[in-house]
PDB file of N, CA and C in Angstrom:
ATOM      1  N   UNK A   1      14.651 -14.862 -42.518  1.00  0.00           N
ATOM      2  CA  UNK A   1      15.048 -13.507 -42.732  1.00  0.00           C
ATOM      3  C   UNK A   1      14.266 -12.539 -41.902  1.00  0.00           C
ATOM      4  N   UNK A   2      14.940 -11.536 -41.499  1.00  0.00           N
ATOM      5  CA  UNK A   2      14.272 -10.530 -40.656  1.00  0.00           C
ATOM      6  C   UNK A   2      13.220  -9.562 -41.245  1.00  0.00           C
ATOM      7  N   UNK A   3      12.087  -9.268 -40.548  1.00  0.00           N
ATOM      8  CA  UNK A   3      11.146  -8.382 -41.285  1.00  0.00           C
ATOM      9  C   UNK A   3      11.834  -6.953 -41.515  1.00  0.00           C
ATOM     10  N   UNK A   4      11.511  -6.578 -42.801  1.00  0.00           N
ATOM     11  CA  UNK A   4      12.164  -5.142 -43.090  1.00  0.00           C
ATOM     12  C   UNK A   4      11.628  -4.076 -42.399  1.00  0.00           C
ATOM     13  N   UNK A   5      10.438  -4.185 -41.863  1.00  0.00           N
ATOM     14  CA  UNK A   5       9.722  -3.187 -41.053  1.00  0.00           C
ATOM     15  C   UNK A   5      10.486  -2.950 -39.742  1.00  0.00           C
ATOM     16  N   UNK A   6      10.909  -4.043 -39.148  1.00  0.00           N
ATOM     17  CA  UNK A   6      11.517  -3.942 -37.809  1.00  0.00           C
ATOM     18  C   UNK A   6      12.826  -3.047 -37.996  1.00  0.00           C
ATOM     19  N   UNK A   7      13.560  -3.363 -39.053  1.00  0.00           N
ATOM     20  CA  UNK A   7      14.801  -2.611 -39.256  1.00  0.00           C
ATOM     21  C   UNK A   7      14.453  -1.079 -39.378  1.00  0.00           C
ATOM     22  N   UNK A   8      13.334  -0.633 -40.192  1.00  0.00           N
ATOM     23  CA  UNK A   8      13.046   0.655 -40.380  1.00  0.00           C
ATOM     24  C   UNK A   8      12.655   1.209 -38.989  1.00  0.00           C
ATOM     25  N   UNK A   9      11.868   0.530 -38.318  1.00  0.00           N
ATOM     26  CA  UNK A   9      11.487   1.204 -36.920  1.00  0.00           C
ATOM     27  C   UNK A   9      12.693   1.380 -36.202  1.00  0.00           C
ATOM     28  N   UNK A  10      13.696   0.410 -36.041  1.00  0.00           N
ATOM     29  CA  UNK A  10      14.855   0.600 -35.203  1.00  0.00           C
ATOM     30  C   UNK A  10      15.774   1.823 -35.673  1.00  0.00           C
ATOM     31  N   UNK A  11      15.551   2.181 -36.911  1.00  0.00           N
ATOM     32  CA  UNK A  11      16.482   3.406 -37.419  1.00  0.00           C
ATOM     33  C   UNK A  11      15.650   4.615 -37.650  1.00  0.00           C
ATOM     34  N   UNK A  12      14.351   4.601 -37.113  1.00  0.00           N
ATOM     35  CA  UNK A  12      13.492   5.849 -37.299  1.00  0.00           C
ATOM     36  C   UNK A  12      14.146   7.020 -36.494  1.00  0.00           C
ATOM     37  N   UNK A  13      14.170   8.056 -36.987  1.00  0.00           N
ATOM     38  CA  UNK A  13      14.639   9.211 -36.383  1.00  0.00           C
ATOM     39  C   UNK A  13      13.764   9.726 -35.105  1.00  0.00           C
ATOM     40  N   UNK A  14      14.375  10.288 -34.216  1.00  0.00           N
ATOM     41  CA  UNK A  14      13.533  10.867 -33.041  1.00  0.00           C
ATOM     42  C   UNK A  14      12.487  11.957 -33.664  1.00  0.00           C
ATOM     43  N   UNK A  15      11.447  12.015 -33.005  1.00  0.00           N
ATOM     44  CA  UNK A  15      10.428  13.007 -33.485  1.00  0.00           C
ATOM     45  C   UNK A  15      10.755  14.397 -32.939  1.00  0.00           C
ATOM     46  N   UNK A  16      10.506  15.395 -33.698  1.00  0.00           N
ATOM     47  CA  UNK A  16      10.595  16.681 -33.238  1.00  0.00           C
ATOM     48  C   UNK A  16       9.761  17.121 -32.294  1.00  0.00           C
ATOM     49  N   UNK A  17      10.225  17.856 -31.314  1.00  0.00           N
ATOM     50  CA  UNK A  17       9.289  18.389 -30.290  1.00  0.00           C
ATOM     51  C   UNK A  17       8.866  19.861 -30.537  1.00  0.00           C
ATOM     52  N   UNK A  18       7.569  20.032 -30.243  1.00  0.00           N
ATOM     53  CA  UNK A  18       7.159  21.344 -30.489  1.00  0.00           C
ATOM     54  C   UNK A  18       6.873  22.211 -29.264  1.00  0.00           C
ATOM     55  N   UNK A  19       7.098  21.661 -28.255  1.00  0.00           N
ATOM     56  CA  UNK A  19       6.962  22.367 -26.803  1.00  0.00           C
ATOM     57  C   UNK A  19       8.044  23.278 -26.693  1.00  0.00           C
ATOM     58  N   UNK A  20       7.840  24.468 -26.008  1.00  0.00           N
ATOM     59  CA  UNK A  20       8.939  25.471 -25.961  1.00  0.00           C
ATOM     60  C   UNK A  20      10.056  25.042 -24.958  1.00  0.00           C
ATOM     61  N   UNK A  21       9.572  24.318 -24.006  1.00  0.00           N
ATOM     62  CA  UNK A  21      10.534  23.771 -23.080  1.00  0.00           C
ATOM     63  C   UNK A  21      11.565  22.633 -23.574  1.00  0.00           C
ATOM     64  N   UNK A  22      11.054  22.102 -24.673  1.00  0.00           N
ATOM     65  CA  UNK A  22      11.881  20.935 -25.211  1.00  0.00           C
ATOM     66  C   UNK A  22      12.087  21.184 -26.677  1.00  0.00           C
ATOM     67  N   UNK A  23      12.690  22.324 -27.014  1.00  0.00           N
ATOM     68  CA  UNK A  23      12.811  22.720 -28.509  1.00  0.00           C
ATOM     69  C   UNK A  23      13.904  21.758 -29.079  1.00  0.00           C
ATOM     70  N   UNK A  24      13.677  21.090 -30.299  1.00  0.00           N
ATOM     71  CA  UNK A  24      14.633  20.303 -30.661  1.00  0.00           C
ATOM     72  C   UNK A  24      14.046  18.738 -30.463  1.00  0.00           C
ATOM     73  N   UNK A  25      15.141  17.963 -30.310  1.00  0.00           N
ATOM     74  CA  UNK A  25      14.818  16.566 -30.209  1.00  0.00           C
ATOM     75  C   UNK A  25      14.115  16.194 -28.836  1.00  0.00           C
ATOM     76  N   UNK A  26      13.514  15.084 -28.791  1.00  0.00           N
ATOM     77  CA  UNK A  26      12.695  14.774 -27.593  1.00  0.00           C
ATOM     78  C   UNK A  26      13.916  14.204 -26.602  1.00  0.00           C
ATOM     79  N   UNK A  27      13.750  14.594 -25.280  1.00  0.00           N
ATOM     80  CA  UNK A  27      14.654  14.099 -24.416  1.00  0.00           C
ATOM     81  C   UNK A  27      14.337  12.863 -23.862  1.00  0.00           C
ATOM     82  N   UNK A  28      15.114  11.914 -23.707  1.00  0.00           N
ATOM     83  CA  UNK A  28      14.841  10.456 -23.195  1.00  0.00           C
ATOM     84  C   UNK A  28      14.700  10.553 -21.641  1.00  0.00           C
ATOM     85  N   UNK A  29      13.956   9.805 -21.234  1.00  0.00           N
ATOM     86  CA  UNK A  29      13.631   9.566 -19.634  1.00  0.00           C
ATOM     87  C   UNK A  29      15.090   9.413 -19.063  1.00  0.00           C
ATOM     88  N   UNK A  30      15.611  10.277 -18.097  1.00  0.00           N
ATOM     89  CA  UNK A  30      16.834  10.062 -17.458  1.00  0.00           C
ATOM     90  C   UNK A  30      16.836   8.875 -16.512  1.00  0.00           C
ATOM     91  N   UNK A  31      15.805   8.283 -16.143  1.00  0.00           N
ATOM     92  CA  UNK A  31      15.879   7.085 -15.123  1.00  0.00           C
ATOM     93  C   UNK A  31      15.725   5.928 -15.836  1.00  0.00           C
ATOM     94  N   UNK A  32      16.599   4.987 -15.597  1.00  0.00           N
ATOM     95  CA  UNK A  32      16.578   3.573 -16.327  1.00  0.00           C
ATOM     96  C   UNK A  32      15.818   2.743 -15.468  1.00  0.00           C
ATOM     97  N   UNK A  33      15.439   1.556 -15.981  1.00  0.00           N
ATOM     98  CA  UNK A  33      14.626   0.464 -15.393  1.00  0.00           C
ATOM     99  C   UNK A  33      15.164   0.113 -14.038  1.00  0.00           C
ATOM    100  N   UNK A  34      16.494   0.250 -13.913  1.00  0.00           N
ATOM    101  CA  UNK A  34      17.041  -0.102 -12.731  1.00  0.00           C
ATOM    102  C   UNK A  34      16.844   0.820 -11.445  1.00  0.00           C
ATOM    103  N   UNK A  35      16.080   1.979 -11.798  1.00  0.00           N
ATOM    104  CA  UNK A  35      15.807   2.905 -10.756  1.00  0.00           C
ATOM    105  C   UNK A  35      14.428   2.638 -10.195  1.00  0.00           C
ATOM    106  N   UNK A  36      13.709   1.337 -10.795  1.00  0.00           N
ATOM    107  CA  UNK A  36      12.390   1.149 -10.382  1.00  0.00           C
ATOM    108  C   UNK A  36      12.270   0.071  -9.357  1.00  0.00           C
ATOM    109  N   UNK A  37      11.309   0.112  -8.555  1.00  0.00           N
ATOM    110  CA  UNK A  37      10.905  -0.825  -7.592  1.00  0.00           C
ATOM    111  C   UNK A  37       9.551  -1.411  -8.000  1.00  0.00           C
ATOM    112  N   UNK A  38       9.599  -2.773  -8.001  1.00  0.00           N
ATOM    113  CA  UNK A  38       8.369  -3.574  -8.292  1.00  0.00           C
ATOM    114  C   UNK A  38       7.689  -4.107  -7.280  1.00  0.00           C
ATOM    115  N   UNK A  39       6.558  -3.946  -6.940  1.00  0.00           N
ATOM    116  CA  UNK A  39       5.857  -4.702  -5.704  1.00  0.00           C
ATOM    117  C   UNK A  39       4.717  -5.523  -6.220  1.00  0.00           C
ATOM    118  N   UNK A  40       4.680  -6.794  -5.757  1.00  0.00           N
ATOM    119  CA  UNK A  40       3.536  -7.646  -6.171  1.00  0.00           C
ATOM    120  C   UNK A  40       2.346  -7.269  -5.221  1.00  0.00           C
ATOM    121  N   UNK A  41       1.188  -7.795  -5.498  1.00  0.00           N
ATOM    122  CA  UNK A  41      -0.028  -7.567  -4.717  1.00  0.00           C
ATOM    123  C   UNK A  41       0.084  -7.636  -3.222  1.00  0.00           C
ATOM    124  N   UNK A  42       0.830  -8.831  -2.731  1.00  0.00           N
ATOM    125  CA  UNK A  42       0.989  -9.187  -1.593  1.00  0.00           C
ATOM    126  C   UNK A  42       1.991  -8.050  -0.824  1.00  0.00           C
ATOM    127  N   UNK A  43       3.025  -7.597  -1.502  1.00  0.00           N
ATOM    128  CA  UNK A  43       3.930  -6.795  -0.746  1.00  0.00           C
ATOM    129  C   UNK A  43       3.191  -5.356  -0.753  1.00  0.00           C
ATOM    130  N   UNK A  44       2.437  -4.986  -1.740  1.00  0.00           N
ATOM    131  CA  UNK A  44       1.712  -3.714  -1.795  1.00  0.00           C
ATOM    132  C   UNK A  44       0.630  -3.746  -0.681  1.00  0.00           C
ATOM    133  N   UNK A  45       0.035  -4.892  -0.389  1.00  0.00           N
ATOM    134  CA  UNK A  45      -0.984  -4.972   0.640  1.00  0.00           C
ATOM    135  C   UNK A  45      -0.270  -4.822   2.054  1.00  0.00           C
ATOM    136  N   UNK A  46       0.864  -5.437   2.315  1.00  0.00           N
ATOM    137  CA  UNK A  46       1.624  -5.305   3.517  1.00  0.00           C
ATOM    138  C   UNK A  46       1.941  -3.874   3.743  1.00  0.00           C
ATOM    139  N   UNK A  47       2.224  -3.017   2.704  1.00  0.00           N
ATOM    140  CA  UNK A  47       2.479  -1.543   2.843  1.00  0.00           C
ATOM    141  C   UNK A  47       1.281  -0.718   3.034  1.00  0.00           C
ATOM    142  N   UNK A  48       0.052  -1.296   2.904  1.00  0.00           N
ATOM    143  CA  UNK A  48      -1.303  -0.549   3.005  1.00  0.00           C
ATOM    144  C   UNK A  48      -1.423   0.265   1.463  1.00  0.00           C
ATOM    145  N   UNK A  49      -0.922  -0.277   0.677  1.00  0.00           N
ATOM    146  CA  UNK A  49      -1.127   0.267  -0.762  1.00  0.00           C
ATOM    147  C   UNK A  49      -2.355  -0.343  -1.248  1.00  0.00           C
ATOM    148  N   UNK A  50      -3.397   0.545  -1.673  1.00  0.00           N
ATOM    149  CA  UNK A  50      -4.762  -0.217  -2.065  1.00  0.00           C
ATOM    150  C   UNK A  50      -4.772   0.216  -3.465  1.00  0.00           C
ATOM    151  N   UNK A  51      -5.783   0.828  -3.934  1.00  0.00           N
ATOM    152  CA  UNK A  51      -6.270   1.283  -5.096  1.00  0.00           C
ATOM    153  C   UNK A  51      -5.337   2.269  -5.821  1.00  0.00           C
ATOM    154  N   UNK A  52      -4.544   2.014  -6.740  1.00  0.00           N
ATOM    155  CA  UNK A  52      -3.537   3.000  -7.422  1.00  0.00           C
ATOM    156  C   UNK A  52      -3.776   2.957  -8.947  1.00  0.00           C
ATOM    157  N   UNK A  53      -3.200   4.164  -9.598  1.00  0.00           N
ATOM    158  CA  UNK A  53      -3.438   4.180 -11.027  1.00  0.00           C
ATOM    159  C   UNK A  53      -2.052   4.840 -11.465  1.00  0.00           C
ATOM    160  N   UNK A  54      -1.789   4.682 -12.745  1.00  0.00           N
ATOM    161  CA  UNK A  54      -0.621   5.211 -13.296  1.00  0.00           C
ATOM    162  C   UNK A  54      -0.518   6.659 -13.062  1.00  0.00           C
ATOM    163  N   UNK A  55       0.495   7.170 -12.627  1.00  0.00           N
ATOM    164  CA  UNK A  55       0.715   8.659 -12.465  1.00  0.00           C
ATOM    165  C   UNK A  55       0.634   9.106 -10.953  1.00  0.00           C
ATOM    166  N   UNK A  56      -0.086   8.120 -10.183  1.00  0.00           N
ATOM    167  CA  UNK A  56      -0.016   8.431  -8.684  1.00  0.00           C
ATOM    168  C   UNK A  56       1.367   8.726  -8.215  1.00  0.00           C
ATOM    169  N   UNK A  57       1.540   9.501  -7.125  1.00  0.00           N
ATOM    170  CA  UNK A  57       2.756   9.807  -6.487  1.00  0.00           C
ATOM    171  C   UNK A  57       2.741   9.273  -5.122  1.00  0.00           C
ATOM    172  N   UNK A  58       3.803   8.691  -4.740  1.00  0.00           N
ATOM    173  CA  UNK A  58       4.053   8.125  -3.467  1.00  0.00           C
ATOM    174  C   UNK A  58       5.153   8.716  -2.710  1.00  0.00           C
ATOM    175  N   UNK A  59       5.175   9.066  -1.471  1.00  0.00           N
ATOM    176  CA  UNK A  59       6.442   9.449  -0.696  1.00  0.00           C
ATOM    177  C   UNK A  59       6.908   8.088  -0.149  1.00  0.00           C
ATOM    178  N   UNK A  60       8.214   7.826  -0.274  1.00  0.00           N
ATOM    179  CA  UNK A  60       8.668   6.692   0.243  1.00  0.00           C
ATOM    180  C   UNK A  60       9.890   6.888   1.206  1.00  0.00           C
ATOM    181  N   UNK A  61      10.086   5.847   2.075  1.00  0.00           N
ATOM    182  CA  UNK A  61      11.191   5.961   2.967  1.00  0.00           C
ATOM    183  C   UNK A  61      11.679   4.496   3.052  1.00  0.00           C
ATOM    184  N   UNK A  62      12.905   4.312   2.940  1.00  0.00           N
ATOM    185  CA  UNK A  62      13.433   2.835   2.993  1.00  0.00           C
ATOM    186  C   UNK A  62      14.694   2.659   3.701  1.00  0.00           C
ATOM    187  N   UNK A  63      15.084   1.580   3.999  1.00  0.00           N
ATOM    188  CA  UNK A  63      16.376   1.258   4.375  1.00  0.00           C
ATOM    189  C   UNK A  63      17.041   0.166   3.493  1.00  0.00           C
ATOM    190  N   UNK A  64      18.202   0.330   2.958  1.00  0.00           N
ATOM    191  CA  UNK A  64      18.751  -0.542   2.164  1.00  0.00           C
ATOM    192  C   UNK A  64      20.297  -0.849   2.468  1.00  0.00           C
ATOM    193  N   UNK A  65      20.759  -2.077   2.300  1.00  0.00           N
ATOM    194  CA  UNK A  65      22.056  -2.379   2.673  1.00  0.00           C
ATOM    195  C   UNK A  65      22.773  -2.712   1.401  1.00  0.00           C
ATOM    196  N   UNK A  66      24.123  -2.128   1.364  1.00  0.00           N
ATOM    197  CA  UNK A  66      24.860  -2.279   0.257  1.00  0.00           C
ATOM    198  C   UNK A  66      25.380  -3.740   0.059  1.00  0.00           C
ATOM    199  N   UNK A  67      25.060  -4.366  -1.130  1.00  0.00           N
ATOM    200  CA  UNK A  67      25.387  -5.776  -1.236  1.00  0.00           C
ATOM    201  C   UNK A  67      26.654  -5.904  -2.189  1.00  0.00           C
ATOM    202  N   UNK A  68      26.841  -4.915  -3.025  1.00  0.00           N
ATOM    203  CA  UNK A  68      27.990  -5.114  -3.943  1.00  0.00           C
ATOM    204  C   UNK A  68      28.476  -3.809  -4.307  1.00  0.00           C
ATOM    205  N   UNK A  69      29.781  -3.596  -4.746  1.00  0.00           N
ATOM    206  CA  UNK A  69      30.233  -2.427  -5.136  1.00  0.00           C
ATOM    207  C   UNK A  69      31.285  -2.805  -6.287  1.00  0.00           C
ATOM    208  N   UNK A  70      31.164  -2.436  -7.384  1.00  0.00           N
ATOM    209  CA  UNK A  70      31.940  -2.670  -8.720  1.00  0.00           C
ATOM    210  C   UNK A  70      32.592  -1.338  -9.128  1.00  0.00           C
ATOM    211  N   UNK A  71      33.828  -1.308  -9.461  1.00  0.00           N
ATOM    212  CA  UNK A  71      34.377  -0.115 -10.203  1.00  0.00           C
ATOM    213  C   UNK A  71      35.065  -0.782 -11.275  1.00  0.00           C
ATOM    214  N   UNK A  72      34.853  -0.154 -12.538  1.00  0.00           N
ATOM    215  CA  UNK A  72      35.657  -0.384 -13.685  1.00  0.00           C
ATOM    216  C   UNK A  72      36.299   0.832 -14.265  1.00  0.00           C
ATOM    217  N   UNK A  73      37.421   0.695 -14.859  1.00  0.00           N
ATOM    218  CA  UNK A  73      38.114   1.687 -15.639  1.00  0.00           C
ATOM    219  C   UNK A  73      38.312   1.248 -16.984  1.00  0.00           C
ATOM    220  N   UNK A  74      37.989   2.018 -18.104  1.00  0.00           N
ATOM    221  CA  UNK A  74      38.243   1.759 -19.320  1.00  0.00           C
ATOM    222  C   UNK A  74      39.502   2.294 -19.960  1.00  0.00           C
ATOM    223  N   UNK A  75      39.878   1.858 -21.069  1.00  0.00           N
ATOM    224  CA  UNK A  75      41.131   2.507 -21.728  1.00  0.00           C
ATOM    225  C   UNK A  75      41.017   3.961 -22.179  1.00  0.00           C
ATOM    226  N   UNK A  76      39.755   4.352 -22.289  1.00  0.00           N
ATOM    227  CA  UNK A  76      39.585   5.808 -22.658  1.00  0.00           C
ATOM    228  C   UNK A  76      39.560   6.812 -21.576  1.00  0.00           C
ATOM    229  N   UNK A  77      39.942   6.164 -20.289  1.00  0.00           N
ATOM    230  CA  UNK A  77      40.171   7.058 -19.136  1.00  0.00           C
ATOM    231  C   UNK A  77      38.982   7.251 -18.391  1.00  0.00           C
ATOM    232  N   UNK A  78      37.871   6.636 -18.746  1.00  0.00           N
ATOM    233  CA  UNK A  78      36.591   6.799 -17.847  1.00  0.00           C
ATOM    234  C   UNK A  78      36.319   5.816 -17.165  1.00  0.00           C
ATOM    235  N   UNK A  79      35.784   6.024 -15.869  1.00  0.00           N
ATOM    236  CA  UNK A  79      35.586   5.093 -14.878  1.00  0.00           C
ATOM    237  C   UNK A  79      34.084   4.946 -14.606  1.00  0.00           C
ATOM    238  N   UNK A  80      33.579   3.822 -14.086  1.00  0.00           N
ATOM    239  CA  UNK A  80      32.208   3.705 -13.793  1.00  0.00           C
ATOM    240  C   UNK A  80      32.163   2.934 -12.497  1.00  0.00           C
ATOM    241  N   UNK A  81      31.051   3.191 -11.754  1.00  0.00           N
ATOM    242  CA  UNK A  81      30.913   2.503 -10.580  1.00  0.00           C
ATOM    243  C   UNK A  81      29.419   2.086 -10.416  1.00  0.00           C
ATOM    244  N   UNK A  82      29.269   0.830 -10.036  1.00  0.00           N
ATOM    245  CA  UNK A  82      27.824   0.180  -9.802  1.00  0.00           C
ATOM    246  C   UNK A  82      27.755  -0.212  -8.450  1.00  0.00           C
ATOM    247  N   UNK A  83      26.634   0.098  -7.806  1.00  0.00           N
ATOM    248  CA  UNK A  83      26.543  -0.293  -6.415  1.00  0.00           C
ATOM    249  C   UNK A  83      25.166  -0.919  -6.284  1.00  0.00           C
ATOM    250  N   UNK A  84      25.161  -2.049  -5.691  1.00  0.00           N
ATOM    251  CA  UNK A  84      23.923  -2.879  -5.391  1.00  0.00           C
ATOM    252  C   UNK A  84      23.404  -2.577  -4.100  1.00  0.00           C
ATOM    253  N   UNK A  85      22.159  -2.363  -3.948  1.00  0.00           N
ATOM    254  CA  UNK A  85      21.470  -2.103  -2.575  1.00  0.00           C
ATOM    255  C   UNK A  85      20.427  -3.089  -2.488  1.00  0.00           C
ATOM    256  N   UNK A  86      20.253  -3.874  -1.360  1.00  0.00           N
ATOM    257  CA  UNK A  86      19.029  -4.618  -1.156  1.00  0.00           C
ATOM    258  C   UNK A  86      18.363  -3.993  -0.054  1.00  0.00           C
ATOM    259  N   UNK A  87      16.997  -3.591  -0.550  1.00  0.00           N
ATOM    260  CA  UNK A  87      16.108  -2.888   0.230  1.00  0.00           C
ATOM    261  C   UNK A  87      15.586  -3.925   1.419  1.00  0.00           C
ATOM    262  N   UNK A  88      15.714  -3.431   2.486  1.00  0.00           N
ATOM    263  CA  UNK A  88      15.459  -4.420   3.724  1.00  0.00           C
ATOM    264  C   UNK A  88      14.095  -3.900   4.431  1.00  0.00           C
ATOM    265  N   UNK A  89      13.878  -2.539   4.297  1.00  0.00           N
ATOM    266  CA  UNK A  89      12.606  -1.956   4.883  1.00  0.00           C
ATOM    267  C   UNK A  89      11.995  -0.960   3.871  1.00  0.00           C
ATOM    268  N   UNK A  90      10.707  -0.754   3.719  1.00  0.00           N
ATOM    269  CA  UNK A  90      10.200   0.179   2.799  1.00  0.00           C
ATOM    270  C   UNK A  90       8.940   0.663   3.218  1.00  0.00           C
ATOM    271  N   UNK A  91       8.528   1.910   3.335  1.00  0.00           N
ATOM    272  CA  UNK A  91       7.422   2.439   3.665  1.00  0.00           C
ATOM    273  C   UNK A  91       7.061   3.376   2.480  1.00  0.00           C
ATOM    274  N   UNK A  92       5.644   3.371   2.221  1.00  0.00           N
ATOM    275  CA  UNK A  92       5.121   4.095   1.130  1.00  0.00           C
ATOM    276  C   UNK A  92       3.787   4.820   1.566  1.00  0.00           C
ATOM    277  N   UNK A  93       3.697   5.861   1.261  1.00  0.00           N
ATOM    278  CA  UNK A  93       2.353   6.548   1.566  1.00  0.00           C
ATOM    279  C   UNK A  93       2.000   7.399   0.300  1.00  0.00           C
ATOM    280  N   UNK A  94       0.741   7.175  -0.101  1.00  0.00           N
ATOM    281  CA  UNK A  94       0.125   7.866  -1.348  1.00  0.00           C
ATOM    282  C   UNK A  94       0.013   9.377  -1.029  1.00  0.00           C
ATOM    283  N   UNK A  95       0.744  10.132  -1.828  1.00  0.00           N
ATOM    284  CA  UNK A  95       0.699  11.664  -1.602  1.00  0.00           C
ATOM    285  C   UNK A  95      -0.570  12.237  -2.021  1.00  0.00           C
ATOM    286  N   UNK A  96      -0.960  13.093  -1.182  1.00  0.00           N
ATOM    287  CA  UNK A  96      -2.349  13.820  -1.522  1.00  0.00           C
ATOM    288  C   UNK A  96      -1.975  15.131  -2.143  1.00  0.00           C
ATOM    289  N   UNK A  97      -2.548  15.444  -3.320  1.00  0.00           N
ATOM    290  CA  UNK A  97      -2.462  16.716  -3.929  1.00  0.00           C
ATOM    291  C   UNK A  97      -0.827  16.728  -4.451  1.00  0.00           C
ATOM    292  N   UNK A  98      -0.242  17.880  -4.353  1.00  0.00           N
ATOM    293  CA  UNK A  98       1.103  18.100  -4.820  1.00  0.00           C
ATOM    294  C   UNK A  98       2.146  18.441  -3.855  1.00  0.00           C
ATOM    295  N   UNK A  99       2.183  17.894  -2.584  1.00  0.00           N
ATOM    296  CA  UNK A  99       2.936  18.065  -1.683  1.00  0.00           C
ATOM    297  C   UNK A  99       2.868  19.327  -0.832  1.00  0.00           C
ATOM    298  N   UNK A 100       3.728  20.250  -1.073  1.00  0.00           N
ATOM    299  CA  UNK A 100       3.699  21.504  -0.402  1.00  0.00           C
ATOM    300  C   UNK A 100       2.491  22.381  -0.519  1.00  0.00           C
ATOM    301  N   UNK A 101       2.029  22.444  -1.707  1.00  0.00           N
ATOM    302  CA  UNK A 101       0.809  23.086  -2.028  1.00  0.00           C
ATOM    303  C   UNK A 101      -0.466  22.443  -1.321  1.00  0.00           C
ATOM    304  N   UNK A 102      -0.520  21.344  -1.410  1.00  0.00           N
ATOM    305  CA  UNK A 102      -1.605  20.529  -0.688  1.00  0.00           C
ATOM    306  C   UNK A 102      -1.493  20.770   0.917  1.00  0.00           C
ATOM    307  N   UNK A 103      -0.274  20.779   1.462  1.00  0.00           N
ATOM    308  CA  UNK A 103      -0.231  20.918   2.819  1.00  0.00           C
ATOM    309  C   UNK A 103      -0.615  22.228   3.262  1.00  0.00           C
ATOM    310  N   UNK A 104      -0.273  23.211   2.540  1.00  0.00           N
ATOM    311  CA  UNK A 104      -0.607  24.711   2.649  1.00  0.00           C
ATOM    312  C   UNK A 104      -2.153  24.847   2.645  1.00  0.00           C
ATOM    313  N   UNK A 105      -2.837  24.231   1.686  1.00  0.00           N
ATOM    314  CA  UNK A 105      -4.397  24.370   1.548  1.00  0.00           C
ATOM    315  C   UNK A 105      -5.098  23.574   2.780  1.00  0.00           C
ATOM    316  N   UNK A 106      -4.408  22.413   3.162  1.00  0.00           N
ATOM    317  CA  UNK A 106      -4.991  21.695   4.194  1.00  0.00           C
ATOM    318  C   UNK A 106      -4.771  22.495   5.515  1.00  0.00           C
ATOM    319  N   UNK A 107      -3.696  23.212   5.802  1.00  0.00           N
ATOM    320  CA  UNK A 107      -3.508  23.995   6.997  1.00  0.00           C
ATOM    321  C   UNK A 107      -4.446  25.177   6.929  1.00  0.00           C
ATOM    322  N   UNK A 108      -4.618  25.905   5.849  1.00  0.00           N
ATOM    323  CA  UNK A 108      -5.541  27.034   5.798  1.00  0.00           C
ATOM    324  C   UNK A 108      -6.989  26.447   6.061  1.00  0.00           C
ATOM    325  N   UNK A 109      -7.281  25.339   5.493  1.00  0.00           N
ATOM    326  CA  UNK A 109      -8.717  24.688   5.678  1.00  0.00           C
ATOM    327  C   UNK A 109      -9.077  24.422   7.211  1.00  0.00           C
ATOM    328  N   UNK A 110      -8.011  24.002   7.840  1.00  0.00           N
ATOM    329  CA  UNK A 110      -8.078  23.469   9.188  1.00  0.00           C
ATOM    330  C   UNK A 110      -7.955  24.632  10.352  1.00  0.00           C
ATOM    331  N   UNK A 111      -7.542  25.837   9.757  1.00  0.00           N
ATOM    332  CA  UNK A 111      -7.391  26.864  10.750  1.00  0.00           C
ATOM    333  C   UNK A 111      -8.680  27.397  11.383  1.00  0.00           C
ATOM    334  N   UNK A 112      -8.626  27.863  12.477  1.00  0.00           N
ATOM    335  CA  UNK A 112     -10.063  28.350  13.062  1.00  0.00           C
ATOM    336  C   UNK A 112     -10.383  29.696  12.360  1.00  0.00           C
ATOM    337  N   UNK A 113     -11.577  29.831  12.180  1.00  0.00           N
ATOM    338  CA  UNK A 113     -12.259  31.011  11.512  1.00  0.00           C
ATOM    339  C   UNK A 113     -11.860  32.272  12.410  1.00  0.00           C
ATOM    340  N   UNK A 114     -11.501  33.375  11.660  1.00  0.00           N
ATOM    341  CA  UNK A 114     -11.154  34.586  12.275  1.00  0.00           C
ATOM    342  C   UNK A 114     -12.354  35.257  12.796  1.00  0.00           C
ATOM    343  N   UNK A 115     -12.482  35.677  13.991  1.00  0.00           N
ATOM    344  CA  UNK A 115     -13.587  36.306  14.699  1.00  0.00           C
ATOM    345  C   UNK A 115     -13.500  37.851  14.352  1.00  0.00           C
ATOM    346  N   UNK A 116     -14.628  38.318  14.064  1.00  0.00           N
ATOM    347  CA  UNK A 116     -14.787  39.699  13.694  1.00  0.00           C
ATOM    348  C   UNK A 116     -15.170  40.695  14.849  1.00  0.00           C
TER     349      UNK A 116
END
């Protein structure tokens, strides 16, 4: 027999959000697990990825080859497409700061001092 607590957890309502930007129900993450790339230690080492922590941001560039294309049409009139891409090359560089703001600050810091 299944544990009754598991059923209660499965049917638990979404928590209400108190943040002004997300008034109402919490918004689920729009990215599925299929959008993720997982690297083992050896692959990360090949890319020069050393010490990382959750929340770090990486700029990536890659080359992928389409390996499959599937299209389905359902009786409700909706169609769906699924594309399989095999990554053949991948480069990743840890982002310093927050992109444009960081680049601006680095540019200002490296500019020659103004002479008076």
